[in-house]
Amino acid sequence: MWTKQSRGRMAQIAKKTKRYPSDLTDEEWEQFAPLMPMPGRRGRPREVDFREVINAVRYLVRSGCGWRMLPIHFGPWQTVYGWFRELARRFLFQTIHDVALMLDRERAGREASPSAAVIDSQSVKTTESGGRGFDAGKKVMGRRRHIVVDTLGLLVGLVVHAADIQDRDGAPAALKAILKRWPWLRYIFADGGYAGPKLRGALQKVGQFTLEIVKRTDKPKGFQILPRRWVVNRCTMLPSLPLSCRCASSVQAVSGSLLRLVVVGMRVDLSRANQSHHRI
């Protein structure tokens, strides 16, 4: 929700990012810099600027452009793409996201590892290459991404698969993928699409989860915010998902690439939306 304080913080960020709103501020780079790979002891000295590489990836996610269309001051696009693949192979983007998430939770007075989460899915159009399917409910040919957020709306996990896989079938895979990273996760909130004994039985094989279905009221009077569910709905409405062409309409041939780009995009907006007055 936009307030005078949040608008003021975003205005301060805009002043610090002189080129593009997606650029890292000095405060953000101070947190990310220690996580960057150290230069090797042998060979030619490294000339690449990792800050520019991260800025380029964030620019690509936010604008939706292609790798070859990156502005020239980010450096050669081949260098940026090569280091994106290398950093993704080292799980650097996932590490940055998880560390920032734990800092955000502690700053909000919560435990670093979440114990409750909200799950939802979203179908997006995609290219013909790669695995895709037809979502009969949303009338979308493409992929479905399962998003898991904590009760603050911070992204906890994400799984991308074909759109013809229903919510009940995709939820166990999404929760199993994040259980090792967040071992204390036990309570799951979901909408009516996840109801039924089939999913509850599948979750018992994955872990000790308690599933609570948050249903709509029978006689709604205008717009109503549903308990817990509004958190994940707000998450899917952040600019990093629907307004970034790179994530809204999946142009990635490989689902893994889409997953990494969505993680980067969520970290762009969630880190700044949940920052304190000091540093994010």
Protein backbone atom coordinates (compact mmCIF):
# COMPACT_ATOMS: atom_id res chain seq x y z
CA MET A 1 0.00 0.00 0.00
CA TRP A 2 1.37 3.40 -0.99
CA THR A 3 1.77 5.92 1.81
CA LYS A 4 3.56 9.26 2.09
CA GLN A 5 6.48 7.53 3.80
CA SER A 6 6.82 4.82 1.13
CA ARG A 7 6.59 7.38 -1.65
CA GLY A 8 9.27 9.44 0.07
CA ARG A 9 11.59 6.42 0.32
CA MET A 10 11.10 5.60 -3.36
CA ALA A 11 11.85 9.23 -4.25
CA GLN A 12 15.12 9.00 -2.32
CA ILE A 13 16.02 5.82 -4.21
CA ALA A 14 15.28 7.58 -7.52
CA LYS A 15 17.78 10.28 -6.59
CA LYS A 16 20.47 7.71 -5.81
CA THR A 17 20.02 5.79 -9.08
CA LYS A 18 21.29 8.32 -11.58
CA ARG A 19 20.78 6.29 -14.77
CA TYR A 20 17.89 3.85 -14.37
CA PRO A 21 15.48 3.09 -11.50
CA SER A 22 16.64 -0.54 -11.60
CA ASP A 23 20.28 0.34 -10.84
CA LEU A 24 21.75 -0.68 -7.51
CA THR A 25 22.16 2.05 -4.94
CA ASP A 26 25.41 2.29 -2.99
CA GLU A 27 23.68 0.85 0.09
CA GLU A 28 22.38 -2.15 -1.86
CA TRP A 29 25.76 -2.83 -3.44
CA GLU A 30 27.45 -2.81 -0.03
CA GLN A 31 25.28 -5.79 0.91
CA PHE A 32 25.70 -7.66 -2.39
CA ALA A 33 29.43 -7.08 -2.97
CA PRO A 34 30.71 -9.63 -0.37
CA LEU A 35 28.70 -12.35 -2.12
CA MET A 36 30.41 -11.86 -5.48
CA PRO A 37 32.99 -14.45 -6.66
CA MET A 38 36.58 -13.71 -5.76
CA PRO A 39 39.10 -13.29 -8.61
CA GLY A 40 41.28 -16.26 -9.43
CA ARG A 41 44.93 -16.42 -8.45
CA ARG A 42 46.05 -17.28 -11.95
CA GLY A 43 45.37 -15.92 -15.39
CA ARG A 44 44.57 -12.45 -16.60
CA PRO A 45 43.20 -10.01 -14.00
CA ARG A 46 39.44 -9.75 -14.04
CA GLU A 47 38.15 -6.62 -15.79
CA VAL A 48 34.39 -7.11 -15.47
CA ASP A 49 32.46 -4.90 -13.02
CA PHE A 50 29.99 -7.13 -11.18
CA ARG A 51 27.90 -4.14 -10.16
CA GLU A 52 27.31 -3.37 -13.83
CA VAL A 53 26.46 -7.03 -14.48
CA ILE A 54 23.80 -7.01 -11.75
CA ASN A 55 22.53 -3.63 -13.00
CA ALA A 56 22.25 -5.05 -16.51
CA VAL A 57 20.27 -8.11 -15.36
CA ARG A 58 17.93 -5.94 -13.32
CA TYR A 59 17.48 -3.59 -16.28
CA LEU A 60 16.65 -6.55 -18.52
CA VAL A 61 14.05 -7.89 -16.07
CA ARG A 62 12.46 -4.49 -15.52
CA SER A 63 12.35 -3.34 -19.15
CA GLY A 64 11.71 -6.69 -20.81
CA CYS A 65 14.32 -6.16 -23.53
CA GLY A 66 16.47 -8.87 -25.06
CA TRP A 67 20.09 -9.58 -24.20
CA ARG A 68 21.31 -8.09 -27.47
CA MET A 69 19.36 -4.87 -26.80
CA LEU A 70 21.06 -4.01 -23.50
CA PRO A 71 22.49 -0.45 -23.45
CA ILE A 72 26.14 -0.37 -24.42
CA HIS A 73 27.33 1.21 -21.17
CA PHE A 74 26.57 -2.07 -19.38
CA GLY A 75 29.35 -3.64 -21.41
CA PRO A 76 29.14 -6.27 -24.17
CA TRP A 77 25.93 -8.25 -23.90
CA GLN A 78 27.90 -11.49 -24.35
CA THR A 79 29.87 -10.69 -21.19
CA VAL A 80 26.71 -9.88 -19.24
CA TYR A 81 24.93 -13.02 -20.41
CA GLY A 82 27.96 -15.19 -19.73
CA TRP A 83 28.28 -13.96 -16.17
CA PHE A 84 24.52 -14.26 -15.67
CA ARG A 85 24.79 -17.96 -16.50
CA GLU A 86 27.84 -18.37 -14.28
CA LEU A 87 26.31 -16.57 -11.30
CA ALA A 88 23.06 -18.51 -11.73
CA ARG A 89 25.06 -21.77 -11.78
CA ARG A 90 26.55 -20.75 -8.43
CA PHE A 91 23.04 -19.99 -7.04
CA LEU A 92 24.15 -16.42 -6.38
CA PHE A 93 20.79 -14.82 -7.21
CA GLN A 94 19.01 -17.27 -4.92
CA THR A 95 21.53 -16.56 -2.15
CA ILE A 96 21.10 -12.79 -2.48
CA HIS A 97 17.35 -13.19 -2.35
CA ASP A 98 17.33 -15.48 0.69
CA VAL A 99 19.78 -13.33 2.68
CA ALA A 100 17.80 -10.17 1.94
CA LEU A 101 14.55 -11.95 2.85
CA MET A 102 15.88 -13.00 6.26
CA LEU A 103 17.12 -9.46 6.92
CA ASP A 104 13.71 -8.06 5.98
CA ARG A 105 11.95 -10.48 8.33
CA GLU A 106 14.26 -9.72 11.26
CA ARG A 107 13.81 -6.01 10.62
CA ALA A 108 10.04 -6.51 10.86
CA GLY A 109 10.41 -8.30 14.22
CA ARG A 110 9.92 -11.84 12.85
CA GLU A 111 12.07 -14.95 12.94
CA ALA A 112 14.51 -15.19 10.06
CA SER A 113 13.02 -18.46 8.78
CA PRO A 114 9.25 -18.36 8.06
CA SER A 115 6.89 -20.89 9.62
CA ALA A 116 3.76 -19.93 7.64
CA ALA A 117 3.32 -19.20 3.96
CA VAL A 118 0.69 -18.46 1.32
CA ILE A 119 0.65 -20.27 -2.03
CA ASP A 120 -0.94 -19.29 -5.34
CA SER A 121 -0.36 -19.82 -9.05
CA GLN A 122 -0.37 -17.67 -12.16
CA SER A 123 -0.47 -18.72 -15.82
CA VAL A 124 1.47 -16.72 -18.41
CA LYS A 125 1.81 -16.97 -22.17
CA THR A 126 5.05 -18.30 -23.57
CA THR A 127 6.79 -19.19 -26.78
CA GLU A 128 6.35 -22.51 -28.53
CA SER A 129 9.81 -23.70 -27.47
CA GLY A 130 10.12 -25.39 -24.11
CA GLY A 131 7.45 -27.16 -22.09
CA ARG A 132 4.05 -25.52 -22.07
CA GLY A 133 0.38 -26.46 -21.80
CA PHE A 134 -3.14 -25.06 -21.97
CA ASP A 135 -4.80 -23.65 -18.85
CA ALA A 136 -8.49 -24.31 -19.53
CA GLY A 137 -9.64 -22.10 -16.67
CA LYS A 138 -7.66 -18.99 -17.66
CA LYS A 139 -7.66 -19.78 -21.40
CA VAL A 140 -3.88 -19.36 -21.53
CA MET A 141 -1.39 -21.41 -23.54
CA GLY A 142 1.94 -21.31 -21.75
CA ARG A 143 3.41 -22.02 -18.34
CA ARG A 144 2.16 -21.83 -14.79
CA ARG A 145 4.32 -20.52 -11.96
CA HIS A 146 3.59 -21.48 -8.38
CA ILE A 147 4.50 -18.67 -6.00
CA VAL A 148 4.99 -19.18 -2.26
CA VAL A 149 5.29 -16.09 -0.04
CA ASP A 150 5.54 -15.63 3.71
CA THR A 151 2.95 -13.68 5.70
CA LEU A 152 4.80 -10.43 4.93
CA GLY A 153 4.49 -10.99 1.19
CA LEU A 154 8.17 -11.85 0.65
CA LEU A 155 8.91 -14.45 -2.00
CA VAL A 156 9.85 -17.78 -0.38
CA GLY A 157 9.71 -20.15 -3.33
CA LEU A 158 8.84 -20.42 -7.00
CA VAL A 159 8.33 -23.34 -9.37
CA VAL A 160 7.62 -23.05 -13.11
CA HIS A 161 5.86 -25.82 -15.05
CA ALA A 162 3.39 -26.31 -17.89
CA ALA A 163 0.06 -24.48 -17.53
CA ASP A 164 -2.00 -27.67 -17.89
CA ILE A 165 -0.78 -28.91 -14.48
CA GLN A 166 -3.49 -28.07 -11.93
CA ASP A 167 -2.92 -26.29 -8.63
CA ARG A 168 -3.39 -29.45 -6.58
CA ASP A 169 -0.73 -31.27 -8.61
CA GLY A 170 1.82 -28.44 -8.72
CA ALA A 171 1.66 -27.39 -5.06
CA PRO A 172 3.55 -30.43 -3.62
CA ALA A 173 6.47 -29.85 -6.01
CA ALA A 174 6.60 -26.15 -5.10
CA LEU A 175 6.69 -26.87 -1.36
CA LYS A 176 9.14 -29.73 -1.69
CA ALA A 177 11.56 -27.46 -3.59
CA ILE A 178 11.76 -24.97 -0.70
CA LEU A 179 11.59 -27.28 2.30
CA LYS A 180 15.38 -27.64 2.61
CA ARG A 181 15.89 -23.87 2.48
CA TRP A 182 13.07 -23.12 4.94
CA PRO A 183 12.86 -26.18 7.23
CA TRP A 184 10.52 -24.57 9.78
CA LEU A 185 7.72 -24.00 7.24
CA ARG A 186 4.63 -25.81 8.51
CA TYR A 187 1.43 -23.76 7.95
CA ILE A 188 0.15 -23.14 4.41
CA PHE A 189 -2.71 -20.83 3.36
CA ALA A 190 -4.34 -21.31 -0.05
CA ASP A 191 -7.49 -20.57 -2.05
CA GLY A 192 -10.29 -22.94 -3.04
CA GLY A 193 -8.33 -24.28 -6.00
CA TYR A 194 -6.15 -26.24 -3.56
CA ALA A 195 -9.01 -27.87 -1.65
CA GLY A 196 -9.51 -31.61 -1.58
CA PRO A 197 -8.10 -34.74 0.05
CA LYS A 198 -5.73 -35.47 -2.86
CA LEU A 199 -3.52 -32.47 -2.10
CA ARG A 200 -3.58 -33.06 1.64
CA GLY A 201 -2.44 -36.61 1.10
CA ALA A 202 0.34 -35.49 -1.23
CA LEU A 203 1.54 -32.88 1.27
CA GLN A 204 1.81 -35.51 4.00
CA LYS A 205 4.40 -37.29 1.85
CA VAL A 206 6.41 -34.08 1.43
CA GLY A 207 6.44 -32.77 5.01
CA GLN A 208 4.42 -31.96 8.11
CA PHE A 209 2.25 -29.25 6.55
CA THR A 210 -1.07 -27.92 7.81
CA LEU A 211 -3.19 -26.66 4.92
CA GLU A 212 -5.88 -24.01 5.50
CA ILE A 213 -8.22 -23.04 2.66
CA VAL A 214 -9.29 -19.39 2.71
CA LYS A 215 -12.58 -19.22 0.80
CA ARG A 216 -14.58 -16.28 -0.45
CA THR A 217 -17.68 -15.17 1.43
CA ASP A 218 -21.04 -16.31 0.07
CA LYS A 219 -22.49 -12.81 -0.03
CA PRO A 220 -19.68 -10.37 -0.79
CA LYS A 221 -20.46 -6.66 -0.56
CA GLY A 222 -18.13 -4.98 -3.00
CA PHE A 223 -14.40 -5.48 -2.84
CA GLN A 224 -13.22 -7.42 0.20
CA ILE A 225 -9.69 -8.29 1.27
CA LEU A 226 -9.52 -11.98 2.09
CA PRO A 227 -7.42 -12.89 5.15
CA ARG A 228 -3.92 -14.11 4.27
CA ARG A 229 -4.73 -14.50 0.58
CA TRP A 230 -4.36 -10.79 -0.13
CA VAL A 231 -0.64 -11.08 0.68
CA VAL A 232 0.13 -13.39 -2.24
CA ASN A 233 -2.27 -11.48 -4.51
CA ARG A 234 -0.35 -8.30 -3.73
CA CYS A 235 2.86 -10.14 -4.49
CA THR A 236 1.67 -11.18 -7.97
CA MET A 237 0.62 -7.59 -8.68
CA LEU A 238 4.04 -6.09 -7.98
CA PRO A 239 5.70 -4.42 -10.97
CA SER A 240 8.37 -7.09 -11.15
CA LEU A 241 5.87 -9.74 -12.27
CA PRO A 242 3.07 -8.36 -14.47
CA LEU A 243 4.60 -5.15 -15.81
CA SER A 244 8.02 -6.53 -16.70
CA CYS A 245 7.62 -8.04 -20.15
CA ARG A 246 10.42 -10.47 -19.43
CA CYS A 247 8.34 -12.10 -16.66
CA ALA A 248 4.74 -11.35 -17.65
CA SER A 249 4.90 -13.12 -21.02
CA SER A 250 7.57 -15.77 -20.74
CA VAL A 251 9.91 -15.49 -23.71
CA GLN A 252 12.34 -17.93 -22.15
CA ALA A 253 12.77 -21.28 -23.86
CA VAL A 254 14.04 -22.80 -20.60
CA SER A 255 11.87 -22.62 -17.46
CA GLY A 256 14.98 -22.35 -15.28
CA SER A 257 15.92 -19.05 -16.92
CA LEU A 258 12.45 -17.66 -16.28
CA LEU A 259 12.67 -18.75 -12.65
CA ARG A 260 15.99 -16.96 -12.13
CA LEU A 261 14.73 -13.77 -13.80
CA VAL A 262 11.55 -13.73 -11.71
CA VAL A 263 13.65 -14.13 -8.54
CA VAL A 264 15.78 -11.16 -9.60
CA GLY A 265 12.69 -9.11 -10.40
CA MET A 266 11.00 -9.88 -7.10
CA ARG A 267 14.14 -8.90 -5.21
CA VAL A 268 14.21 -5.54 -7.06
CA ASP A 269 10.78 -4.46 -5.83
CA LEU A 270 10.35 -6.35 -2.56
CA SER A 271 13.68 -5.19 -1.16
CA ARG A 272 12.80 -1.58 -1.79
CA ALA A 273 9.14 -1.87 -0.79
CA ASN A 274 10.06 -3.38 2.59
CA GLN A 275 13.16 -1.35 3.36
CA SER A 276 13.55 0.57 6.61
CA HIS A 277 14.71 4.11 7.01
CA HIS A 278 18.34 2.96 7.31
CA ARG A 279 19.19 0.32 4.69
CA ILE A 280 17.51 -2.59 2.96
